[in-house]
N, C-alpha and C. Protein backbone atom coordinates (compact mmCIF):
# COMPACT_ATOMS: atom_id res chain seq x y z
N UNK A 1 -0.54 -1.54 1.89
CA UNK A 1 -0.23 -2.37 1.61
C UNK A 1 0.18 -4.08 2.27
N UNK A 2 -0.46 -5.13 2.05
CA UNK A 2 0.19 -6.83 3.25
C UNK A 2 1.07 -6.72 1.64
N UNK A 3 2.30 -7.28 2.83
CA UNK A 3 3.03 -8.13 1.70
C UNK A 3 3.69 -9.29 2.97
N UNK A 4 3.13 -11.04 2.23
CA UNK A 4 3.23 -11.77 3.15
C UNK A 4 4.33 -12.50 1.96
N UNK A 5 5.34 -12.87 2.71
CA UNK A 5 6.33 -14.50 2.34
C UNK A 5 6.82 -15.24 3.06
N UNK A 6 6.51 -16.30 2.83
CA UNK A 6 6.99 -18.07 3.35
C UNK A 6 7.94 -19.26 2.19
N UNK A 7 8.45 -19.14 2.97
CA UNK A 7 9.68 -20.62 1.95
C UNK A 7 8.79 -21.88 2.65
N UNK A 8 8.47 -22.44 0.92
CA UNK A 8 7.96 -24.20 1.69
C UNK A 8 8.59 -24.90 0.48
N UNK A 9 8.80 -26.15 1.76
CA UNK A 9 9.74 -27.01 1.39
C UNK A 9 9.13 -28.76 1.21
N UNK A 10 8.72 -28.92 -0.53
CA UNK A 10 8.34 -29.96 -0.76
C UNK A 10 8.99 -31.74 -0.60
N UNK A 11 8.36 -32.27 -0.65
CA UNK A 11 9.01 -33.24 -0.29
C UNK A 11 9.62 -34.23 -1.42
N UNK A 12 10.22 -34.88 -1.43
CA UNK A 12 10.52 -35.71 -2.67
C UNK A 12 9.48 -36.19 -3.47
N UNK A 13 9.32 -35.92 -5.00
CA UNK A 13 8.59 -36.52 -5.60
C UNK A 13 9.09 -37.45 -6.88
N UNK A 14 8.39 -38.23 -7.58
CA UNK A 14 8.49 -39.14 -8.63
C UNK A 14 8.53 -37.77 -9.55
N UNK A 15 9.65 -38.45 -10.81
CA UNK A 15 9.10 -37.86 -12.05
C UNK A 15 8.19 -37.26 -12.52
N UNK A 16 7.81 -36.47 -13.29
CA UNK A 16 6.15 -35.71 -13.73
C UNK A 16 6.17 -34.69 -12.86
N UNK A 17 4.46 -34.96 -13.31
CA UNK A 17 3.67 -33.45 -13.16
C UNK A 17 2.48 -33.78 -11.16
N UNK A 18 3.09 -32.22 -11.23
CA UNK A 18 2.51 -32.69 -9.61
C UNK A 18 1.06 -31.51 -9.17
N UNK A 19 0.20 -31.89 -8.66
CA UNK A 19 -0.66 -30.55 -8.17
C UNK A 19 -0.09 -30.27 -6.67
N UNK A 20 -0.13 -29.06 -6.79
CA UNK A 20 0.76 -28.67 -5.43
C UNK A 20 -0.44 -27.61 -4.69
N UNK A 21 -1.14 -26.85 -5.45
CA UNK A 21 -2.07 -25.66 -4.92
C UNK A 21 -2.51 -26.37 -3.94
N UNK A 22 -2.76 -27.26 -3.05
CA UNK A 22 -3.45 -27.18 -1.67
C UNK A 22 -2.12 -26.64 -0.54
N UNK A 23 -0.86 -27.84 -1.09
CA UNK A 23 0.43 -27.16 0.13
C UNK A 23 0.85 -25.54 -0.18
N UNK A 24 0.05 -25.40 -1.32
CA UNK A 24 1.01 -24.07 -0.80
C UNK A 24 -0.15 -22.92 -0.02
N UNK A 25 -1.76 -23.36 -0.34
CA UNK A 25 -2.44 -22.47 0.28
C UNK A 25 -2.67 -23.12 1.68
N UNK A 26 -1.62 -24.01 2.61
CA UNK A 26 -1.67 -23.80 3.49
C UNK A 26 -0.56 -23.67 4.36
N UNK A 27 0.72 -23.66 3.48
CA UNK A 27 2.23 -23.18 3.61
C UNK A 27 1.56 -21.39 3.97
N UNK A 28 0.79 -20.58 3.11
CA UNK A 28 0.28 -18.74 2.84
C UNK A 28 -0.99 -19.14 3.62
N UNK A 29 -1.19 -19.31 4.39
CA UNK A 29 -3.24 -18.76 4.71
C UNK A 29 -3.18 -17.40 5.07
N UNK A 30 -2.19 -16.44 4.87
CA UNK A 30 -2.40 -15.31 4.61
C UNK A 30 -3.32 -14.39 3.29
N UNK A 31 -3.27 -15.52 2.83
CA UNK A 31 -3.16 -14.82 1.54
C UNK A 31 -5.41 -14.59 1.60
N UNK A 32 -5.72 -15.40 2.99
CA UNK A 32 -7.04 -15.03 2.94
C UNK A 32 -6.82 -14.10 3.81
N UNK A 33 -6.00 -13.09 4.10
CA UNK A 33 -6.05 -10.98 4.37
C UNK A 33 -6.29 -10.60 3.03
N UNK A 34 -5.87 -10.93 1.78
CA UNK A 34 -6.05 -9.56 0.78
C UNK A 34 -7.01 -9.56 -0.14
N UNK A 35 -7.82 -8.69 0.06
CA UNK A 35 -9.04 -8.76 -0.93
C UNK A 35 -8.87 -8.64 -2.14
N UNK A 36 -6.96 -7.50 -2.96
CA UNK A 36 -6.74 -7.36 -3.96
C UNK A 36 -5.66 -7.66 -4.01
N UNK A 37 -4.92 -8.57 -5.13
CA UNK A 37 -3.19 -8.63 -4.69
C UNK A 37 -2.47 -9.97 -5.68
N UNK A 38 -1.67 -10.11 -5.62
CA UNK A 38 -1.46 -11.12 -6.53
C UNK A 38 -0.13 -12.07 -5.62
N UNK A 39 -0.65 -13.09 -6.65
CA UNK A 39 0.99 -14.40 -5.53
C UNK A 39 1.77 -15.00 -6.56
N UNK A 40 3.11 -15.20 -6.49
CA UNK A 40 4.05 -15.68 -6.98
C UNK A 40 4.51 -16.50 -5.96
N UNK A 41 4.67 -17.52 -6.93
CA UNK A 41 5.77 -18.86 -6.36
C UNK A 41 6.15 -19.29 -7.54
N UNK A 42 7.45 -19.10 -6.63
CA UNK A 42 8.94 -19.65 -7.32
C UNK A 42 9.37 -20.66 -7.17
N UNK A 43 10.26 -21.41 -7.83
CA UNK A 43 11.22 -22.17 -7.06
C UNK A 43 12.28 -21.72 -6.91
N UNK A 44 13.45 -22.21 -6.06
CA UNK A 44 14.47 -21.97 -6.28
C UNK A 44 15.49 -23.35 -7.34
N UNK A 45 15.26 -23.86 -7.61
CA UNK A 45 15.87 -25.07 -8.73
C UNK A 45 15.74 -24.92 -10.28
N UNK A 46 16.77 -25.14 -10.82
CA UNK A 46 16.87 -25.27 -12.28
C UNK A 46 16.68 -26.25 -12.95
N UNK A 47 16.17 -27.50 -12.27
CA UNK A 47 15.97 -28.90 -13.29
C UNK A 47 14.47 -28.98 -12.77
N UNK A 48 13.64 -28.33 -12.37
CA UNK A 48 12.27 -28.36 -12.06
C UNK A 48 11.44 -26.96 -12.09
N UNK A 49 10.09 -27.34 -11.96
CA UNK A 49 9.60 -26.01 -12.46
C UNK A 49 8.56 -25.78 -12.49
N UNK A 50 7.37 -24.97 -11.89
CA UNK A 50 6.22 -24.72 -12.12
C UNK A 50 5.36 -23.90 -12.65
N UNK A 51 4.24 -24.23 -12.97
CA UNK A 51 2.85 -24.58 -13.81
C UNK A 51 0.89 -23.90 -13.28
N UNK A 52 0.71 -23.54 -14.22
CA UNK A 52 -1.04 -23.35 -13.54
C UNK A 52 -1.29 -24.24 -15.03
N UNK A 53 -2.13 -25.76 -14.86
CA UNK A 53 -2.48 -26.08 -15.50
C UNK A 53 -3.79 -26.92 -15.38
N UNK A 54 -4.48 -27.70 -15.22
CA UNK A 54 -5.46 -28.74 -15.63
C UNK A 54 -5.15 -29.51 -14.53
N UNK A 55 -6.64 -29.06 -13.44
CA UNK A 55 -6.40 -29.80 -12.32
C UNK A 55 -7.17 -31.18 -12.17
N UNK A 56 -8.20 -31.28 -12.67
CA UNK A 56 -8.80 -32.31 -12.68
C UNK A 56 -8.94 -34.12 -13.29
N UNK A 57 -8.10 -33.96 -14.34
CA UNK A 57 -7.98 -34.83 -15.06
C UNK A 57 -6.27 -35.34 -14.80
N UNK A 58 -6.54 -36.24 -14.22
CA UNK A 58 -5.13 -36.86 -14.07
C UNK A 58 -4.19 -37.03 -15.30
N UNK A 59 -4.81 -37.41 -16.34
CA UNK A 59 -4.23 -37.68 -17.57
C UNK A 59 -3.73 -36.79 -17.89
N UNK A 60 -4.45 -35.41 -17.49
CA UNK A 60 -2.98 -34.10 -17.78
C UNK A 60 -2.11 -34.55 -17.80
N UNK A 61 -1.99 -34.87 -16.59
CA UNK A 61 -0.53 -34.80 -16.31
C UNK A 61 -0.01 -35.88 -16.84
N UNK A 62 -0.06 -37.13 -16.90
CA UNK A 62 0.13 -37.77 -17.55
C UNK A 62 0.93 -37.91 -18.48
N UNK A 63 0.05 -37.12 -19.75
CA UNK A 63 0.21 -36.34 -21.00
C UNK A 63 1.14 -34.78 -21.22
N UNK A 64 1.20 -34.51 -20.66
CA UNK A 64 2.33 -33.54 -20.35
C UNK A 64 3.85 -33.81 -20.36
N UNK A 65 3.93 -35.33 -19.57
CA UNK A 65 5.42 -35.61 -19.03
C UNK A 65 5.03 -36.75 -20.04
N UNK A 66 4.53 -37.79 -21.28
CA UNK A 66 5.08 -37.64 -22.19
C UNK A 66 5.04 -36.91 -22.98
N UNK A 67 4.51 -35.81 -23.74
CA UNK A 67 5.25 -34.65 -24.41
C UNK A 67 6.32 -34.43 -24.26
N UNK A 68 6.67 -34.19 -23.24
CA UNK A 68 7.84 -33.37 -22.56
C UNK A 68 9.00 -34.31 -22.55
N UNK A 69 8.88 -35.40 -22.78
CA UNK A 69 9.72 -36.37 -22.51
C UNK A 69 10.29 -36.92 -24.05
N UNK A 70 9.00 -36.66 -25.01
CA UNK A 70 9.85 -36.89 -26.46
C UNK A 70 10.19 -35.52 -27.42
N UNK A 71 9.57 -34.69 -26.49
CA UNK A 71 10.23 -33.03 -27.12
C UNK A 71 11.48 -32.88 -26.71
N UNK A 72 11.79 -33.24 -25.57
CA UNK A 72 13.30 -33.32 -25.12
C UNK A 72 13.88 -34.52 -24.50
N UNK A 73 14.42 -35.18 -25.50
CA UNK A 73 14.73 -37.15 -24.94
C UNK A 73 16.31 -36.65 -24.23
N UNK A 74 15.95 -37.69 -23.33
CA UNK A 74 17.22 -38.22 -22.68
C UNK A 74 18.36 -39.01 -23.54
N UNK A 75 19.75 -38.79 -23.75
CA UNK A 75 20.11 -39.43 -24.10
C UNK A 75 20.93 -38.63 -25.61
N UNK A 76 20.66 -37.91 -25.57
CA UNK A 76 21.13 -36.82 -27.27
C UNK A 76 22.57 -37.23 -27.06
N UNK A 77 23.15 -37.44 -28.03
CA UNK A 77 24.14 -37.31 -28.23
C UNK A 77 24.80 -35.42 -28.29
N UNK A 78 24.10 -34.76 -28.55
CA UNK A 78 24.51 -33.44 -28.60
C UNK A 78 24.74 -32.83 -27.25
N UNK A 79 23.89 -33.42 -25.91
CA UNK A 79 24.22 -32.65 -25.23
C UNK A 79 25.24 -32.70 -24.18
N UNK A 80 26.12 -31.65 -23.60
CA UNK A 80 27.63 -31.97 -23.32
C UNK A 80 27.58 -31.91 -21.79
N UNK A 81 26.55 -31.17 -21.27
CA UNK A 81 26.14 -31.31 -19.91
C UNK A 81 25.08 -32.55 -19.63
N UNK A 82 26.51 -33.52 -18.85
CA UNK A 82 25.66 -34.67 -18.00
C UNK A 82 25.83 -34.76 -16.98
N UNK A 83 26.46 -34.57 -16.03
CA UNK A 83 27.17 -34.26 -15.26
C UNK A 83 26.30 -35.53 -14.38
N UNK A 84 25.15 -34.80 -14.18
CA UNK A 84 24.39 -36.02 -13.31
C UNK A 84 23.78 -37.34 -13.26
N UNK A 85 23.90 -36.92 -15.42
CA UNK A 85 23.01 -38.44 -15.38
C UNK A 85 22.59 -37.96 -16.82
N UNK A 86 21.56 -38.88 -17.23
CA UNK A 86 21.17 -38.65 -18.62
C UNK A 86 20.22 -37.46 -18.62
N UNK A 87 19.73 -37.21 -17.52
CA UNK A 87 18.04 -36.34 -17.33
C UNK A 87 18.42 -35.86 -16.74
N UNK A 88 19.80 -35.55 -16.84
CA UNK A 88 20.31 -33.74 -15.82
C UNK A 88 20.08 -32.97 -16.54
N UNK A 89 20.96 -32.42 -18.22
CA UNK A 89 20.54 -31.46 -19.35
C UNK A 89 18.99 -31.64 -19.23
N UNK A 90 18.20 -33.19 -19.94
CA UNK A 90 16.92 -32.58 -20.34
C UNK A 90 16.19 -31.62 -19.90
N UNK A 91 16.66 -32.31 -17.74
CA UNK A 91 15.72 -31.25 -17.02
C UNK A 91 15.71 -30.16 -17.09
N UNK A 92 16.96 -29.08 -17.92
CA UNK A 92 17.35 -28.35 -17.40
C UNK A 92 16.64 -27.53 -18.70
N UNK A 93 16.02 -28.29 -19.52
CA UNK A 93 15.54 -27.08 -20.61
C UNK A 93 14.37 -27.58 -20.11
N UNK A 94 13.40 -28.91 -19.84
CA UNK A 94 12.82 -28.16 -19.38
C UNK A 94 12.01 -27.40 -18.79
N UNK A 95 13.11 -27.21 -17.87
CA UNK A 95 12.76 -25.80 -16.53
C UNK A 95 13.05 -24.66 -17.79
N UNK A 96 13.47 -24.99 -18.63
CA UNK A 96 13.31 -23.19 -19.36
C UNK A 96 12.65 -23.40 -20.02
N UNK A 97 11.98 -24.02 -20.43
CA UNK A 97 10.64 -23.87 -21.42
C UNK A 97 9.29 -23.60 -20.40
N UNK A 98 8.79 -24.05 -19.40
CA UNK A 98 8.20 -23.98 -17.83
C UNK A 98 7.78 -22.64 -17.53
N UNK A 99 9.44 -22.31 -16.80
CA UNK A 99 9.25 -21.23 -16.43
C UNK A 99 9.65 -21.57 -14.51
N UNK A 100 10.19 -20.90 -13.99
CA UNK A 100 10.70 -21.42 -12.16
C UNK A 100 9.67 -20.01 -11.59
N UNK A 101 8.91 -19.40 -12.04
CA UNK A 101 7.44 -18.83 -11.25
C UNK A 101 6.05 -19.00 -12.71
N UNK A 102 5.27 -18.06 -11.60
CA UNK A 102 3.92 -17.94 -11.65
C UNK A 102 3.75 -17.11 -10.69
N UNK A 103 2.61 -16.31 -11.40
CA UNK A 103 1.43 -14.90 -10.93
C UNK A 103 0.39 -15.46 -11.11
N UNK A 104 -0.04 -15.32 -9.82
CA UNK A 104 -1.61 -15.49 -10.01
C UNK A 104 -2.73 -14.92 -8.81
N UNK A 105 -3.20 -14.02 -9.65
CA UNK A 105 -3.91 -12.82 -8.86
C UNK A 105 -4.74 -12.74 -7.33
N UNK A 106 -4.97 -12.53 -6.78
CA UNK A 106 -5.77 -13.03 -5.27
C UNK A 106 -7.25 -11.60 -5.40
N UNK A 107 -8.10 -12.34 -5.55
CA UNK A 107 -9.27 -12.21 -5.54
C UNK A 107 -10.42 -12.39 -4.42
N UNK A 108 -10.72 -11.48 -3.47
CA UNK A 108 -11.45 -11.75 -2.14
C UNK A 108 -11.04 -13.14 -1.39
N UNK A 109 -9.61 -12.75 -1.28
CA UNK A 109 -8.66 -13.35 -0.15
C UNK A 109 -8.65 -15.01 -0.69
N UNK A 110 -8.61 -14.90 -2.19
CA UNK A 110 -8.24 -16.34 -3.26
C UNK A 110 -7.91 -16.38 -3.64
N UNK A 111 -7.55 -17.60 -3.81
CA UNK A 111 -6.59 -17.43 -4.97
C UNK A 111 -7.39 -17.11 -6.71
N UNK A 112 -7.21 -16.86 -7.45
CA UNK A 112 -8.00 -16.06 -8.40
C UNK A 112 -7.32 -17.23 -9.76
N UNK A 113 -7.93 -18.56 -9.65
CA UNK A 113 -7.52 -19.83 -10.27
C UNK A 113 -8.95 -20.05 -10.66
N UNK A 114 -8.93 -20.41 -12.06
CA UNK A 114 -10.25 -20.79 -12.90
C UNK A 114 -10.37 -22.05 -12.45
N UNK A 115 -11.44 -22.45 -12.39
CA UNK A 115 -12.18 -24.19 -12.61
C UNK A 115 -11.50 -25.22 -12.30
N UNK A 116 -10.69 -25.19 -13.69
CA UNK A 116 -10.42 -26.24 -13.70
C UNK A 116 -8.64 -26.66 -13.32
N UNK A 117 -8.58 -24.89 -12.59
CA UNK A 117 -6.72 -24.95 -12.90
C UNK A 117 -6.53 -25.25 -11.74
N UNK A 118 -5.03 -25.53 -11.48
CA UNK A 118 -4.12 -26.21 -10.31
C UNK A 118 -2.94 -25.35 -10.24
N UNK A 119 -2.02 -25.28 -9.77
CA UNK A 119 -0.61 -25.24 -9.64
C UNK A 119 0.20 -26.56 -9.49
N UNK A 120 0.84 -26.51 -10.26
CA UNK A 120 1.61 -27.49 -10.45
C UNK A 120 3.63 -27.52 -9.77
N UNK A 121 4.11 -28.96 -9.36
CA UNK A 121 5.62 -29.14 -9.69
C UNK A 121 5.84 -29.92 -10.44
N UNK A 122 6.81 -29.29 -11.41
CA UNK A 122 7.35 -29.86 -12.80
C UNK A 122 7.87 -30.60 -11.91
N UNK A 123 8.10 -32.05 -11.31
CA UNK A 123 9.61 -32.40 -11.52
C UNK A 123 10.35 -33.26 -13.04
N UNK A 124 11.24 -32.72 -12.91
CA UNK A 124 11.85 -33.19 -14.51
C UNK A 124 13.14 -34.33 -14.40
N UNK A 125 13.72 -34.65 -12.85
CA UNK A 125 15.16 -35.36 -12.66
C UNK A 125 14.52 -36.76 -12.19
N UNK A 126 14.57 -38.12 -12.23
CA UNK A 126 14.30 -38.88 -11.57
C UNK A 126 14.20 -39.03 -10.30
N UNK A 127 15.50 -38.60 -9.61
CA UNK A 127 15.84 -38.09 -8.25
C UNK A 127 15.63 -36.49 -7.88
N UNK A 128 15.25 -35.86 -8.04
CA UNK A 128 14.94 -34.63 -7.79
C UNK A 128 15.83 -33.94 -6.44
N UNK A 129 14.88 -34.96 -5.47
CA UNK A 129 14.91 -34.63 -4.41
C UNK A 129 14.14 -33.46 -3.49
N UNK A 130 14.00 -32.83 -2.15
CA UNK A 130 13.14 -31.93 -1.85
C UNK A 130 14.09 -31.02 -2.93
N UNK A 131 12.27 -30.43 -2.62
CA UNK A 131 11.88 -29.13 -4.06
C UNK A 131 11.90 -27.96 -2.88
N UNK A 132 12.61 -26.66 -2.74
CA UNK A 132 12.49 -25.21 -2.29
C UNK A 132 11.44 -23.83 -3.13
N UNK A 133 10.32 -23.52 -2.76
CA UNK A 133 9.90 -22.44 -3.57
C UNK A 133 9.73 -21.57 -2.26
N UNK A 134 9.42 -20.55 -2.67
CA UNK A 134 9.01 -18.80 -2.06
C UNK A 134 7.87 -18.09 -2.35
N UNK A 135 7.10 -18.57 -1.55
CA UNK A 135 6.02 -18.19 -1.93
C UNK A 135 5.61 -16.56 -1.56
N UNK A 136 5.49 -15.57 -2.23
CA UNK A 136 5.12 -14.09 -1.69
C UNK A 136 4.00 -13.40 -2.32
N UNK A 137 3.09 -12.79 -1.68
CA UNK A 137 1.54 -12.72 -2.07
C UNK A 137 1.64 -11.47 -1.35
N UNK A 138 0.90 -9.89 -2.24
CA UNK A 138 0.80 -8.79 -1.41
C UNK A 138 -0.10 -7.81 -1.84
N UNK A 139 -1.03 -6.73 -1.09
CA UNK A 139 -1.97 -6.72 -2.04
C UNK A 139 -2.55 -5.78 -1.18
N UNK A 140 -4.04 -5.77 -1.26
CA UNK A 140 -5.19 -5.29 0.12
C UNK A 140 -6.47 -5.63 -0.03
């Protein structure tokens, strides 16, 4: 069995949902050496998340942002944790809903994503800064 791991630091992005599939593939080219396996993408933050979803129509990413801003609004007087501003606690809640990792099968040396699937960085902060990912691929 082969196991590869790589840290990837993503540049700061504005709040929203951003495709990062190409950056992940560039950071971990050893995926091509695995015929059958698994790739885990883990984000080391509590106010951003990763997700697999639509990669073709950019309005889907905009609609995600609209939905989550309605579902988890800023300036809710019930929030106690607001040390870093009004987007602080909502960012943690959004990250909790979406999760800190995704698992994608590797098949014939490629991520086995569907035709319309891509990997997103979900940035939930107005100024989240650089984001760190740990990419791990294993298999035969």
